[in-house]
N, C-alpha and C. Protein backbone atom coordinates (compact mmCIF):
# COMPACT_ATOMS: atom_id res chain seq x y z
N UNK A 1 0.56 5.05 3.43
CA UNK A 1 0.60 5.05 4.88
C UNK A 1 1.47 6.20 5.37
N UNK A 2 1.61 6.30 6.66
CA UNK A 2 2.36 7.40 7.22
C UNK A 2 3.59 6.90 7.96
N UNK A 3 4.49 7.82 8.23
CA UNK A 3 5.67 7.48 9.00
C UNK A 3 5.78 8.44 10.18
N UNK A 4 6.77 8.27 11.04
CA UNK A 4 6.92 9.10 12.24
C UNK A 4 7.07 10.57 11.90
N UNK A 5 7.79 10.88 10.82
CA UNK A 5 7.97 12.28 10.45
C UNK A 5 6.65 12.92 10.07
N UNK A 6 5.82 12.23 9.33
CA UNK A 6 4.52 12.76 8.94
C UNK A 6 3.63 13.00 10.15
N UNK A 7 3.69 12.12 11.14
CA UNK A 7 2.85 12.27 12.32
C UNK A 7 3.18 13.51 13.14
N UNK A 8 4.39 14.03 13.00
CA UNK A 8 4.79 15.20 13.75
C UNK A 8 4.50 16.50 13.01
N UNK A 9 3.95 16.40 11.83
CA UNK A 9 3.71 17.60 11.04
C UNK A 9 2.25 17.66 10.58
N UNK A 10 1.57 18.71 10.99
CA UNK A 10 0.22 18.93 10.51
C UNK A 10 0.28 19.36 9.05
N UNK A 11 -0.68 18.88 8.28
CA UNK A 11 -0.75 19.16 6.85
C UNK A 11 -1.79 20.26 6.60
N UNK A 12 -1.63 21.03 5.51
CA UNK A 12 -2.60 22.08 5.20
C UNK A 12 -3.95 21.49 4.80
N UNK A 13 -5.03 22.19 5.14
CA UNK A 13 -6.38 21.68 4.88
C UNK A 13 -6.64 21.31 3.42
N UNK A 14 -6.12 22.07 2.49
CA UNK A 14 -6.42 21.82 1.07
C UNK A 14 -5.87 20.48 0.58
N UNK A 15 -4.95 19.87 1.34
CA UNK A 15 -4.38 18.58 0.92
C UNK A 15 -5.06 17.39 1.59
N UNK A 16 -6.08 17.62 2.39
CA UNK A 16 -6.75 16.54 3.12
C UNK A 16 -7.43 15.57 2.15
N UNK A 17 -7.13 14.27 2.27
CA UNK A 17 -7.75 13.28 1.39
C UNK A 17 -9.19 13.00 1.80
N UNK A 18 -10.09 13.14 0.87
CA UNK A 18 -11.50 12.94 1.19
C UNK A 18 -11.94 11.49 1.07
N UNK A 19 -11.01 10.58 0.79
CA UNK A 19 -11.34 9.17 0.70
C UNK A 19 -10.77 8.35 1.84
N UNK A 20 -10.18 9.01 2.83
CA UNK A 20 -9.54 8.31 3.94
C UNK A 20 -10.09 8.79 5.28
N UNK A 21 -9.80 8.03 6.32
CA UNK A 21 -10.06 8.46 7.69
C UNK A 21 -8.78 9.16 8.14
N UNK A 22 -8.93 10.37 8.70
CA UNK A 22 -7.78 11.18 9.09
C UNK A 22 -7.95 11.74 10.50
N UNK A 23 -6.89 12.31 11.03
CA UNK A 23 -6.94 13.07 12.28
C UNK A 23 -7.02 14.53 11.87
N UNK A 24 -7.96 15.28 12.44
CA UNK A 24 -8.19 16.65 12.01
C UNK A 24 -8.32 17.62 13.17
N UNK A 25 -7.94 18.85 12.89
CA UNK A 25 -8.18 19.98 13.79
C UNK A 25 -9.20 20.87 13.11
N UNK A 26 -10.31 21.11 13.79
CA UNK A 26 -11.35 21.99 13.27
C UNK A 26 -11.44 23.24 14.14
N UNK A 27 -12.03 24.29 13.60
CA UNK A 27 -12.23 25.53 14.36
C UNK A 27 -12.98 25.29 15.67
N UNK A 28 -13.92 24.34 15.66
CA UNK A 28 -14.81 24.14 16.81
C UNK A 28 -14.31 23.11 17.82
N UNK A 29 -13.25 22.37 17.49
CA UNK A 29 -12.81 21.29 18.38
C UNK A 29 -11.55 21.69 19.14
N UNK A 30 -11.55 21.52 20.46
CA UNK A 30 -10.37 21.89 21.25
C UNK A 30 -9.23 20.88 21.13
N UNK A 31 -9.54 19.68 20.66
CA UNK A 31 -8.54 18.63 20.49
C UNK A 31 -8.71 18.01 19.10
N UNK A 32 -7.69 17.33 18.59
CA UNK A 32 -7.84 16.64 17.30
C UNK A 32 -8.91 15.55 17.37
N UNK A 33 -9.58 15.32 16.25
CA UNK A 33 -10.62 14.28 16.16
C UNK A 33 -10.35 13.40 14.95
N UNK A 34 -10.85 12.18 15.00
CA UNK A 34 -10.79 11.27 13.86
C UNK A 34 -12.01 11.56 12.99
N UNK A 35 -11.80 11.79 11.72
CA UNK A 35 -12.88 12.21 10.84
C UNK A 35 -12.75 11.57 9.47
N UNK A 36 -13.81 11.65 8.70
CA UNK A 36 -13.81 11.23 7.30
C UNK A 36 -14.80 12.12 6.55
N UNK A 37 -14.64 12.18 5.25
CA UNK A 37 -15.51 13.01 4.42
C UNK A 37 -16.82 12.30 4.18
N UNK A 38 -17.94 13.02 4.34
CA UNK A 38 -19.26 12.49 4.07
C UNK A 38 -19.74 13.11 2.76
N UNK A 39 -19.72 12.31 1.71
CA UNK A 39 -20.03 12.80 0.37
C UNK A 39 -21.44 13.38 0.25
N UNK A 40 -22.50 12.68 0.73
CA UNK A 40 -23.85 13.24 0.57
C UNK A 40 -24.02 14.60 1.27
N UNK A 41 -23.40 14.77 2.44
CA UNK A 41 -23.53 16.04 3.18
C UNK A 41 -22.52 17.08 2.71
N UNK A 42 -21.48 16.62 1.98
CA UNK A 42 -20.39 17.51 1.54
C UNK A 42 -19.74 18.21 2.74
N UNK A 43 -19.54 17.40 3.81
CA UNK A 43 -18.91 17.89 5.03
C UNK A 43 -18.09 16.78 5.67
N UNK A 44 -17.19 17.17 6.57
CA UNK A 44 -16.45 16.21 7.38
C UNK A 44 -17.36 15.74 8.51
N UNK A 45 -17.27 14.47 8.88
CA UNK A 45 -18.10 13.92 9.96
C UNK A 45 -17.18 13.26 10.99
N UNK A 46 -17.52 13.45 12.27
CA UNK A 46 -16.76 12.83 13.35
C UNK A 46 -17.69 12.59 14.53
N UNK A 47 -17.28 11.73 15.44
CA UNK A 47 -18.11 11.44 16.61
C UNK A 47 -17.67 12.31 17.78
N UNK A 48 -18.65 12.73 18.55
CA UNK A 48 -18.42 13.58 19.71
C UNK A 48 -19.03 12.87 20.93
N UNK A 49 -18.26 12.76 22.00
CA UNK A 49 -18.76 12.11 23.22
C UNK A 49 -19.73 13.06 23.92
N UNK A 50 -20.89 12.56 24.26
CA UNK A 50 -21.91 13.32 24.98
C UNK A 50 -22.24 12.58 26.28
N UNK A 51 -22.89 13.26 27.21
CA UNK A 51 -23.29 12.62 28.46
C UNK A 51 -24.60 13.22 28.95
N UNK A 52 -25.46 12.37 29.49
CA UNK A 52 -26.73 12.78 30.08
C UNK A 52 -26.75 12.42 31.55
N UNK A 53 -27.62 13.10 32.27
CA UNK A 53 -27.84 12.81 33.68
C UNK A 53 -28.74 11.58 33.80
N UNK A 54 -28.31 10.58 34.58
CA UNK A 54 -29.10 9.38 34.79
C UNK A 54 -29.08 9.05 36.29
N UNK A 55 -30.23 9.03 36.90
CA UNK A 55 -30.39 8.76 38.32
C UNK A 55 -29.46 9.63 39.17
N UNK A 56 -29.44 10.92 38.82
CA UNK A 56 -28.68 11.90 39.60
C UNK A 56 -27.19 11.93 39.32
N UNK A 57 -26.71 11.16 38.34
CA UNK A 57 -25.29 11.15 38.02
C UNK A 57 -25.09 11.37 36.52
N UNK A 58 -23.98 12.03 36.20
CA UNK A 58 -23.62 12.24 34.79
C UNK A 58 -22.87 11.00 34.30
N UNK A 59 -23.64 9.95 33.99
CA UNK A 59 -23.03 8.66 33.64
C UNK A 59 -23.60 8.01 32.39
N UNK A 60 -24.50 8.68 31.72
CA UNK A 60 -25.13 8.12 30.52
C UNK A 60 -24.39 8.66 29.29
N UNK A 61 -23.28 8.02 28.95
CA UNK A 61 -22.45 8.50 27.83
C UNK A 61 -22.87 7.87 26.51
N UNK A 62 -22.67 8.63 25.46
CA UNK A 62 -22.98 8.15 24.11
C UNK A 62 -22.22 8.99 23.10
N UNK A 63 -22.19 8.54 21.84
CA UNK A 63 -21.56 9.28 20.76
C UNK A 63 -22.62 9.94 19.90
N UNK A 64 -22.30 11.11 19.41
CA UNK A 64 -23.18 11.85 18.51
C UNK A 64 -22.36 12.27 17.30
N UNK A 65 -22.92 12.16 16.12
CA UNK A 65 -22.22 12.60 14.91
C UNK A 65 -22.24 14.12 14.82
N UNK A 66 -21.08 14.67 14.49
CA UNK A 66 -20.94 16.11 14.28
C UNK A 66 -20.44 16.31 12.85
N UNK A 67 -20.81 17.41 12.25
CA UNK A 67 -20.39 17.73 10.89
C UNK A 67 -19.69 19.08 10.85
N UNK A 68 -18.66 19.17 10.02
CA UNK A 68 -17.94 20.43 9.84
C UNK A 68 -17.68 20.64 8.35
N UNK A 69 -17.73 21.88 7.94
CA UNK A 69 -17.48 22.23 6.54
C UNK A 69 -15.99 22.18 6.23
N UNK A 70 -15.68 22.18 4.97
CA UNK A 70 -14.28 22.19 4.55
C UNK A 70 -13.55 23.42 5.07
N UNK A 71 -14.23 24.55 5.12
CA UNK A 71 -13.60 25.79 5.57
C UNK A 71 -13.26 25.77 7.06
N UNK A 72 -13.87 24.87 7.85
CA UNK A 72 -13.59 24.78 9.28
C UNK A 72 -12.35 23.93 9.58
N UNK A 73 -11.86 23.19 8.59
CA UNK A 73 -10.68 22.35 8.78
C UNK A 73 -9.44 23.24 8.83
N UNK A 74 -8.69 23.17 9.96
CA UNK A 74 -7.48 23.98 10.13
C UNK A 74 -6.23 23.22 9.72
N UNK A 75 -6.18 21.92 10.00
CA UNK A 75 -5.02 21.09 9.68
C UNK A 75 -5.41 19.63 9.82
N UNK A 76 -4.59 18.75 9.25
CA UNK A 76 -4.88 17.32 9.33
C UNK A 76 -3.57 16.54 9.30
N UNK A 77 -3.66 15.26 9.69
CA UNK A 77 -2.56 14.31 9.55
C UNK A 77 -3.15 12.91 9.37
N UNK A 78 -2.38 12.00 8.75
CA UNK A 78 -2.89 10.64 8.58
C UNK A 78 -2.93 9.88 9.91
N UNK A 79 -3.72 8.85 9.94
CA UNK A 79 -3.72 7.98 11.12
C UNK A 79 -2.37 7.28 11.22
N UNK A 80 -1.93 6.98 12.43
CA UNK A 80 -0.66 6.24 12.56
C UNK A 80 -0.79 4.83 12.03
N UNK A 81 0.31 4.28 11.59
CA UNK A 81 0.34 2.90 11.12
C UNK A 81 0.23 1.96 12.33
N UNK A 82 -0.65 0.97 12.29
CA UNK A 82 -0.78 0.05 13.43
C UNK A 82 0.53 -0.71 13.69
N UNK A 83 0.78 -0.99 14.95
CA UNK A 83 1.97 -1.78 15.31
C UNK A 83 1.76 -3.22 14.89
N UNK A 84 2.82 -3.86 14.48
CA UNK A 84 2.73 -5.25 14.04
C UNK A 84 2.58 -6.18 15.21
């Protein structure tokens, strides 16, 4: 698990655990995302919020899976420990 000190420090990409869900910074994402390694695709996978126009309003929101290569990972950190 992680502690407060770990949460304040981004880790180098080469140390990212491919068996866990992590918080990641990718070249293409303006904010950190929650991601995990997808073994069959050999890429990181995360959900991206999308929106469509419905009856004249931008209100049809949904999630779409996005994939990023290992080389696109800039930094990572573990998920915070849940509060008791």
